[in-house]
Amino acid sequence: MALATNATRALGIAGIGFAAGESIAFTNPEAIYPNIINTLKNQGFINTLAYSLWLNDLESNTGSILFGGVDEDRYEGNLVTLPIQPDARSEAITSFTLALTSVSLEDGSGGSQFSQNNLAIPVILDSGATLTYLPDDIANTIIEGVGAVSSSTYGYVVPCTLADSPATFTFGFGGSDGATLRVELNQFVLPIFLRSGLSPTFDDGTAACTFGIQPAGEDPNLFGDTFLRSAYVVYDLENGQIGLAQTTFNATSSNIQEISGNSLPGASAAGAGVSVTQTATGIPLQTQAATISATGVGAQITQKSGLFDLGGSQTATATGSTGSGASQPAGANTSGATSDLKASPIEKATVIFGFLMMTLFVFYI
């Protein structure tokens, strides 16, 4: 294996999932081939079909993928293993699907702004997706709550100052004795970089950013990079399980343990928990290109305030509903000041890639 320095695609996708989940399997199952992780085991570089993913935070340009091992210095708290859920039609394990059992959002003072418990939703932990795609009812409630508005050019956008909010999401997997992970709201506020070197703004000059939660529609529910940055994830293909822990951002030390047998080093297994089946079919959503053209930056949109009381200085000036603090708002008031999204210069142009733009690939032998 070597480092690639030239490619024909703007985004790199490494084939390190289940062989049955390869894109070619949908059109020509007979042509399935050993992917990277299978080849690593076949050639004796690793003992188990497993790897750990540490994306690091939104501001970092480095992360790591560790084949065959777990780095105990890259996470905090407990590493909890959860069973990967099967496909409903084939009853086989073909994707990294877990059971999402709770979602909540708290403001900086610990007050609940949104909460849904006792869920049983299949979600795929997909590092090939930049954003997080939730069932429409949950996603739309959150979108209304934070005041995101839909732009035909940029999707759902929010004032970039939303990143100043101290609010935090909490996601639960596998039931009461499963894994719980916290994700700060700022990890879902993504700068928009244009090929022109311009950045869109609202008509009052407030910078516009992409909101990192979107409705899944008819497609699979995906937990992409906006979630995965806050998680330390161990994908154990051989034993059909995933280990989850709270990440340690910007860790500088390492304590690597080899994965062998049917358990993950230092991990605790969740109980039977909640089971789901993956009913979505077809190839999951593909990540958008790394940059967006400046076409249509003057499209009319309606800027509005969110219904959640998130703290910080995130709310852009607009008429319409104000923060109510409701845990599950319904029927948001979308009347507000009509504004343009305009393009304005940005101080630095940094391309954000949607998958594993890693500077370090580690093999544990």
Protein backbone atom coordinates (compact mmCIF):
# COMPACT_ATOMS: atom_id res chain seq x y z
CA MET A 1 0.00 0.00 0.00
CA ALA A 2 1.21 3.50 -0.81
CA LEU A 3 0.08 7.11 -0.46
CA ALA A 4 -1.83 8.36 -3.51
CA THR A 5 -0.79 11.81 -4.70
CA ASN A 6 -3.05 12.10 -7.74
CA ALA A 7 -6.69 11.14 -8.27
CA THR A 8 -9.49 11.74 -10.75
CA ARG A 9 -12.13 12.32 -8.04
CA ALA A 10 -12.40 15.40 -5.82
CA LEU A 11 -13.32 13.18 -2.87
CA GLY A 12 -11.56 10.01 -1.81
CA ILE A 13 -13.66 7.01 -0.79
CA ALA A 14 -11.86 4.07 0.77
CA GLY A 15 -13.62 0.71 0.44
CA ILE A 16 -13.44 -0.57 4.03
CA GLY A 17 -17.00 -1.72 4.62
CA PHE A 18 -18.64 -5.10 4.20
CA ALA A 19 -18.01 -6.74 0.85
CA ALA A 20 -21.77 -7.21 0.47
CA GLY A 21 -22.16 -3.45 0.77
CA GLU A 22 -19.82 -2.55 -2.08
CA SER A 23 -21.53 -0.48 -4.75
CA ILE A 24 -20.81 -3.14 -7.37
CA ALA A 25 -22.80 -5.63 -5.30
CA PHE A 26 -26.01 -3.84 -6.29
CA THR A 27 -25.38 -4.28 -10.01
CA ASN A 28 -23.03 -7.27 -10.34
CA PRO A 29 -22.76 -9.39 -7.16
CA GLU A 30 -20.46 -11.87 -8.90
CA ALA A 31 -17.82 -9.15 -9.27
CA ILE A 32 -17.38 -8.46 -5.52
CA TYR A 33 -13.68 -8.26 -4.72
CA PRO A 34 -11.56 -8.19 -1.53
CA ASN A 35 -11.45 -4.58 -0.36
CA ILE A 36 -8.68 -2.88 1.60
CA ILE A 37 -9.40 -4.35 5.01
CA ASN A 38 -9.87 -7.88 3.65
CA THR A 39 -6.57 -7.59 1.82
CA LEU A 40 -4.80 -6.38 4.97
CA LYS A 41 -5.95 -9.46 6.89
CA ASN A 42 -5.30 -11.83 4.00
CA GLN A 43 -1.72 -10.59 3.79
CA GLY A 44 -1.17 -10.88 7.56
CA PHE A 45 -0.94 -7.18 8.43
CA ILE A 46 -3.85 -7.36 10.89
CA ASN A 47 -5.40 -10.21 12.86
CA THR A 48 -9.03 -9.07 12.79
CA LEU A 49 -11.26 -7.39 10.23
CA ALA A 50 -11.59 -4.25 12.33
CA TYR A 51 -10.45 -0.64 12.40
CA SER A 52 -10.83 2.48 14.53
CA LEU A 53 -11.80 5.91 13.24
CA TRP A 54 -10.81 9.20 14.89
CA LEU A 55 -11.82 12.19 12.76
CA ASN A 56 -10.96 14.91 15.28
CA ASP A 57 -12.83 18.21 15.48
CA LEU A 58 -14.11 20.53 12.78
CA GLU A 59 -11.13 22.88 13.04
CA SER A 60 -8.53 20.13 12.74
CA ASN A 61 -6.99 19.06 9.44
CA THR A 62 -5.70 15.74 10.77
CA GLY A 63 -7.25 12.54 12.05
CA SER A 64 -6.44 8.84 11.93
CA ILE A 65 -7.71 5.46 10.88
CA LEU A 66 -6.14 2.55 12.75
CA PHE A 67 -6.41 -0.88 11.17
CA GLY A 68 -6.47 -3.84 13.57
CA GLY A 69 -6.23 -1.84 16.78
CA VAL A 70 -7.78 0.56 19.29
CA ASP A 71 -6.02 3.70 20.53
CA GLU A 72 -7.14 4.14 24.14
CA ASP A 73 -5.74 7.68 24.32
CA ARG A 74 -8.10 8.91 21.61
CA TYR A 75 -11.32 8.52 23.62
CA GLU A 76 -12.64 9.20 27.11
CA GLY A 77 -15.01 7.25 29.31
CA ASN A 78 -16.23 3.79 28.35
CA LEU A 79 -15.91 2.11 24.97
CA VAL A 80 -19.28 0.37 24.54
CA THR A 81 -19.83 -2.33 21.93
CA LEU A 82 -23.16 -2.57 20.15
CA PRO A 83 -24.39 -5.23 17.73
CA ILE A 84 -24.59 -4.22 14.08
CA GLN A 85 -28.17 -4.52 12.90
CA PRO A 86 -29.16 -6.66 9.90
CA ASP A 87 -30.77 -5.82 6.60
CA ALA A 88 -34.51 -6.51 6.70
CA ARG A 89 -34.68 -8.19 3.32
CA SER A 90 -31.60 -10.41 3.35
CA GLU A 91 -31.27 -10.69 7.16
CA ALA A 92 -27.53 -10.26 6.53
CA ILE A 93 -25.24 -7.56 7.90
CA THR A 94 -24.36 -5.31 4.97
CA SER A 95 -23.96 -1.83 6.50
CA PHE A 96 -22.84 -0.24 9.77
CA THR A 97 -26.37 0.09 11.11
CA LEU A 98 -27.09 0.72 14.80
CA ALA A 99 -30.31 1.33 16.72
CA LEU A 100 -30.77 5.02 17.55
CA THR A 101 -32.84 5.15 20.73
CA SER A 102 -32.77 8.78 21.87
CA VAL A 103 -31.99 12.32 20.69
CA SER A 104 -31.93 15.43 22.84
CA LEU A 105 -30.64 19.00 22.75
CA GLU A 106 -29.71 21.01 25.83
CA ASP A 107 -28.81 24.66 26.11
CA GLY A 108 -25.67 25.86 27.84
CA SER A 109 -27.38 25.75 31.24
CA GLY A 110 -28.54 22.16 30.87
CA GLY A 111 -32.13 23.07 30.03
CA SER A 112 -33.90 20.76 27.61
CA GLN A 113 -34.81 22.30 24.26
CA PHE A 114 -35.67 19.07 22.46
CA SER A 115 -35.98 15.47 23.55
CA GLN A 116 -37.19 12.22 22.02
CA ASN A 117 -36.74 8.93 23.84
CA ASN A 118 -37.80 5.31 23.37
CA LEU A 119 -36.90 5.42 19.70
CA ALA A 120 -35.95 2.42 17.58
CA ILE A 121 -34.52 3.90 14.39
CA PRO A 122 -31.94 2.23 12.13
CA VAL A 123 -29.05 4.62 11.39
CA ILE A 124 -25.83 4.01 9.48
CA LEU A 125 -22.52 5.36 10.81
CA ASP A 126 -21.24 6.54 7.44
CA SER A 127 -17.88 8.32 7.24
CA GLY A 128 -18.52 8.77 3.51
CA ALA A 129 -21.25 11.32 4.27
CA THR A 130 -20.40 14.86 5.32
CA LEU A 131 -23.75 15.60 6.98
CA THR A 132 -26.15 13.77 9.26
CA TYR A 133 -29.50 12.65 7.81
CA LEU A 134 -32.31 11.94 10.29
CA PRO A 135 -35.95 10.89 9.87
CA ASP A 136 -37.91 13.81 8.50
CA ASP A 137 -40.00 14.49 11.61
CA ILE A 138 -36.95 14.70 13.88
CA ALA A 139 -34.80 16.61 11.40
CA ASN A 140 -37.51 19.15 10.58
CA THR A 141 -38.22 19.81 14.26
CA ILE A 142 -34.53 20.50 14.86
CA ILE A 143 -34.28 22.61 11.69
CA GLU A 144 -37.21 24.76 12.83
CA GLY A 145 -35.77 24.95 16.31
CA VAL A 146 -32.37 26.32 15.28
CA GLY A 147 -33.87 28.63 12.65
CA ALA A 148 -32.32 26.96 9.59
CA VAL A 149 -33.81 28.04 6.28
CA SER A 150 -33.80 26.29 2.94
CA SER A 151 -31.78 27.73 0.06
CA SER A 152 -32.05 26.21 -3.40
CA THR A 153 -28.33 26.77 -3.81
CA TYR A 154 -26.90 25.74 -0.43
CA GLY A 155 -29.51 23.52 1.20
CA TYR A 156 -30.40 24.35 4.81
CA VAL A 157 -28.38 27.32 6.05
CA VAL A 158 -27.96 29.10 9.37
CA PRO A 159 -26.05 32.17 10.49
CA CYS A 160 -22.48 31.08 11.14
CA THR A 161 -22.80 32.70 14.57
CA LEU A 162 -24.92 29.68 15.56
CA ALA A 163 -21.54 28.08 16.26
CA ASP A 164 -21.24 30.42 19.26
CA SER A 165 -24.08 28.63 21.01
CA PRO A 166 -23.07 26.43 23.97
CA ALA A 167 -25.90 23.98 23.19
CA THR A 168 -25.13 20.25 22.97
CA PHE A 169 -26.87 17.29 21.36
CA THR A 170 -26.94 13.90 23.07
CA PHE A 171 -27.50 10.75 21.01
CA GLY A 172 -28.30 7.37 22.56
CA PHE A 173 -27.75 4.01 20.87
CA GLY A 174 -28.89 0.53 21.88
CA GLY A 175 -31.20 1.43 24.73
CA SER A 176 -30.68 2.31 28.40
CA ASP A 177 -27.45 0.34 28.82
CA GLY A 178 -26.07 1.27 25.40
CA ALA A 179 -23.81 4.12 24.33
CA THR A 180 -24.47 7.83 24.81
CA LEU A 181 -22.49 10.46 22.92
CA ARG A 182 -22.46 14.25 23.18
CA VAL A 183 -22.01 16.47 20.12
CA GLU A 184 -21.68 20.22 20.49
CA LEU A 185 -24.00 22.21 18.25
CA ASN A 186 -21.02 23.99 16.68
CA GLN A 187 -19.96 20.73 15.02
CA PHE A 188 -23.10 21.02 12.88
CA VAL A 189 -22.31 24.51 11.60
CA LEU A 190 -20.20 24.18 8.46
CA PRO A 191 -18.59 27.02 6.48
CA ILE A 192 -19.52 27.23 2.82
CA PHE A 193 -16.51 27.53 0.51
CA LEU A 194 -16.98 28.55 -3.09
CA ARG A 195 -14.65 28.03 -6.03
CA SER A 196 -14.81 31.77 -6.60
CA GLY A 197 -13.22 32.45 -3.21
CA LEU A 198 -16.44 34.08 -2.00
CA SER A 199 -18.63 33.12 0.92
CA PRO A 200 -22.42 33.66 0.98
CA THR A 201 -24.00 36.07 3.44
CA PHE A 202 -27.48 37.12 4.39
CA ASP A 203 -28.58 40.58 3.29
CA ASP A 204 -27.53 42.08 6.63
CA GLY A 205 -23.96 40.86 6.10
CA THR A 206 -24.23 37.87 8.45
CA ALA A 207 -22.20 34.94 7.11
CA ALA A 208 -24.27 31.91 6.07
CA CYS A 209 -23.20 28.36 6.93
CA THR A 210 -24.57 24.94 6.07
CA PHE A 211 -26.50 23.25 8.87
CA GLY A 212 -25.17 19.73 9.34
CA ILE A 213 -28.50 17.97 10.00
CA GLN A 214 -30.81 17.28 7.06
CA PRO A 215 -34.01 15.25 6.47
CA ALA A 216 -33.27 11.79 5.07
CA GLY A 217 -36.47 11.57 3.05
CA GLU A 218 -36.70 8.16 1.38
CA ASP A 219 -32.96 7.53 1.77
CA PRO A 220 -31.21 5.74 4.67
CA ASN A 221 -30.69 7.60 7.94
CA LEU A 222 -26.98 8.44 7.98
CA PHE A 223 -24.74 9.69 10.77
CA GLY A 224 -21.99 11.38 8.81
CA ASP A 225 -18.94 13.41 9.72
CA THR A 226 -20.88 16.11 11.60
CA PHE A 227 -21.63 13.40 14.18
CA LEU A 228 -18.60 11.15 13.79
CA ARG A 229 -16.09 13.87 14.68
CA SER A 230 -17.31 13.68 18.27
CA ALA A 231 -17.17 9.88 18.42
CA TYR A 232 -14.38 7.34 18.60
CA VAL A 233 -15.71 4.49 16.48
CA VAL A 234 -14.39 0.94 16.21
CA TYR A 235 -15.83 -0.93 13.24
CA ASP A 236 -15.50 -4.67 13.96
CA LEU A 237 -16.60 -6.38 10.76
CA GLU A 238 -15.42 -9.80 11.87
CA ASN A 239 -17.60 -9.97 14.95
CA GLY A 240 -20.51 -7.85 13.72
CA GLN A 241 -20.18 -5.11 16.31
CA ILE A 242 -19.31 -1.43 16.65
CA GLY A 243 -17.53 0.16 19.60
CA LEU A 244 -18.54 3.73 20.50
CA ALA A 245 -16.93 6.18 22.90
CA GLN A 246 -16.72 9.93 23.39
CA THR A 247 -13.77 11.22 21.41
CA THR A 248 -10.82 13.10 22.87
CA PHE A 249 -10.28 16.05 20.57
CA ASN A 250 -6.72 16.91 19.52
CA ALA A 251 -5.12 14.07 21.48
CA THR A 252 -1.34 13.98 21.06
CA SER A 253 -0.46 10.69 22.77
CA SER A 254 -1.22 7.10 21.75
CA ASN A 255 -1.87 3.85 23.59
CA ILE A 256 -2.56 1.28 20.88
CA GLN A 257 -4.03 -2.11 21.73
CA GLU A 258 -4.38 -4.94 19.23
CA ILE A 259 -7.84 -6.24 18.36
CA SER A 260 -8.01 -10.01 18.49
CA GLY A 261 -10.65 -12.59 19.25
CA ASN A 262 -14.28 -11.59 19.60
CA SER A 263 -13.98 -8.61 21.96
CA LEU A 264 -12.54 -5.11 21.71
CA PRO A 265 -9.72 -4.10 24.10
CA GLY A 266 -11.06 -2.26 27.13
CA ALA A 267 -14.65 -2.36 25.90
CA SER A 268 -17.83 -3.20 27.76
CA ALA A 269 -20.62 -4.93 25.87
CA ALA A 270 -24.14 -3.51 26.02
CA GLY A 271 -27.01 -5.82 26.85
CA ALA A 272 -29.56 -7.10 24.39
CA GLY A 273 -30.87 -3.55 24.14
CA VAL A 274 -33.02 -2.48 21.21
CA SER A 275 -33.03 -4.27 17.86
CA VAL A 276 -33.93 -2.77 14.51
CA THR A 277 -33.61 -3.84 10.89
CA GLN A 278 -32.32 -1.75 8.03
CA THR A 279 -35.19 -1.39 5.57
CA ALA A 280 -33.62 1.18 3.24
CA THR A 281 -32.38 -0.18 -0.06
CA GLY A 282 -30.04 1.00 -2.78
CA ILE A 283 -26.79 2.93 -2.64
CA PRO A 284 -26.69 5.50 0.21
CA LEU A 285 -26.40 9.21 -0.43
CA GLN A 286 -23.10 10.29 -1.89
CA THR A 287 -21.24 13.25 -0.44
CA GLN A 288 -21.40 16.49 -2.37
CA ALA A 289 -18.33 17.92 -4.04
CA ALA A 290 -15.76 19.59 -1.84
CA THR A 291 -16.54 23.07 -3.17
CA ILE A 292 -19.69 24.68 -4.51
CA SER A 293 -19.90 26.96 -7.52
CA ALA A 294 -21.12 30.50 -7.00
CA THR A 295 -24.13 30.05 -9.28
CA GLY A 296 -27.35 31.51 -7.90
CA VAL A 297 -25.93 33.28 -4.85
CA GLY A 298 -28.60 35.94 -5.12
CA ALA A 299 -31.53 33.56 -4.63
CA GLN A 300 -34.29 34.98 -2.41
CA ILE A 301 -34.73 33.25 0.93
CA THR A 302 -36.60 34.03 4.13
CA GLN A 303 -34.43 34.50 7.19
CA LYS A 304 -36.05 33.57 10.50
CA SER A 305 -35.40 33.03 14.17
CA GLY A 306 -35.39 29.57 15.68
CA LEU A 307 -37.76 28.29 18.35
CA PHE A 308 -35.05 26.89 20.63
CA ASP A 309 -33.41 29.07 23.26
CA LEU A 310 -29.81 28.09 22.55
CA GLY A 311 -27.84 30.89 24.19
CA GLY A 312 -24.84 32.54 22.59
CA SER A 313 -25.10 35.10 19.80
CA GLN A 314 -26.41 32.80 17.15
CA THR A 315 -29.71 34.47 16.23
CA ALA A 316 -29.64 36.63 13.09
CA THR A 317 -31.80 39.73 13.02
CA ALA A 318 -35.19 38.93 11.52
CA THR A 319 -38.88 39.35 12.17
CA GLY A 320 -40.99 36.35 13.06
CA SER A 321 -41.15 33.94 15.99
CA THR A 322 -38.69 34.23 18.85
CA GLY A 323 -37.11 31.50 20.92
CA SER A 324 -39.79 29.80 23.01
CA GLY A 325 -37.74 27.13 24.75
CA ALA A 326 -40.24 24.47 23.71
CA SER A 327 -38.87 20.93 23.84
CA GLN A 328 -40.60 19.89 20.62
CA PRO A 329 -41.91 22.92 18.69
CA ALA A 330 -44.61 22.46 16.13
CA GLY A 331 -45.86 24.86 13.49
CA ALA A 332 -42.95 27.27 13.48
CA ASN A 333 -43.72 30.81 12.39
CA THR A 334 -41.77 31.23 9.19
CA SER A 335 -42.81 34.81 8.48
CA GLY A 336 -39.79 37.04 8.46
CA ALA A 337 -37.63 39.49 6.59
CA THR A 338 -37.00 38.53 3.00
CA SER A 339 -33.28 38.55 2.30
CA ASP A 340 -30.76 37.62 -0.34
CA LEU A 341 -27.85 35.26 0.04
CA LYS A 342 -24.95 37.24 -1.32
CA ALA A 343 -21.35 36.31 -1.99
CA SER A 344 -18.64 38.10 -0.05
CA PRO A 345 -14.86 37.56 0.22
CA ILE A 346 -13.50 35.24 2.90
CA GLU A 347 -10.15 35.58 4.58
CA LYS A 348 -8.91 32.10 3.86
CA ALA A 349 -10.01 29.35 1.51
CA THR A 350 -9.78 25.92 3.06
CA VAL A 351 -11.35 23.01 1.21
CA ILE A 352 -13.36 20.67 3.42
CA PHE A 353 -13.49 17.13 2.11
CA GLY A 354 -16.38 14.87 2.97
CA PHE A 355 -14.53 11.68 3.90
CA LEU A 356 -11.23 10.64 5.41
CA MET A 357 -8.72 13.32 4.49
CA MET A 358 -6.24 11.82 6.87
CA THR A 359 -2.58 12.57 7.20
CA LEU A 360 -1.93 9.41 9.19
CA PHE A 361 -2.77 5.84 8.35
CA VAL A 362 -1.66 3.44 11.08
CA PHE A 363 -1.33 -0.32 10.87
CA TYR A 364 -1.14 -2.44 13.98
CA ILE A 365 0.79 -5.65 13.36
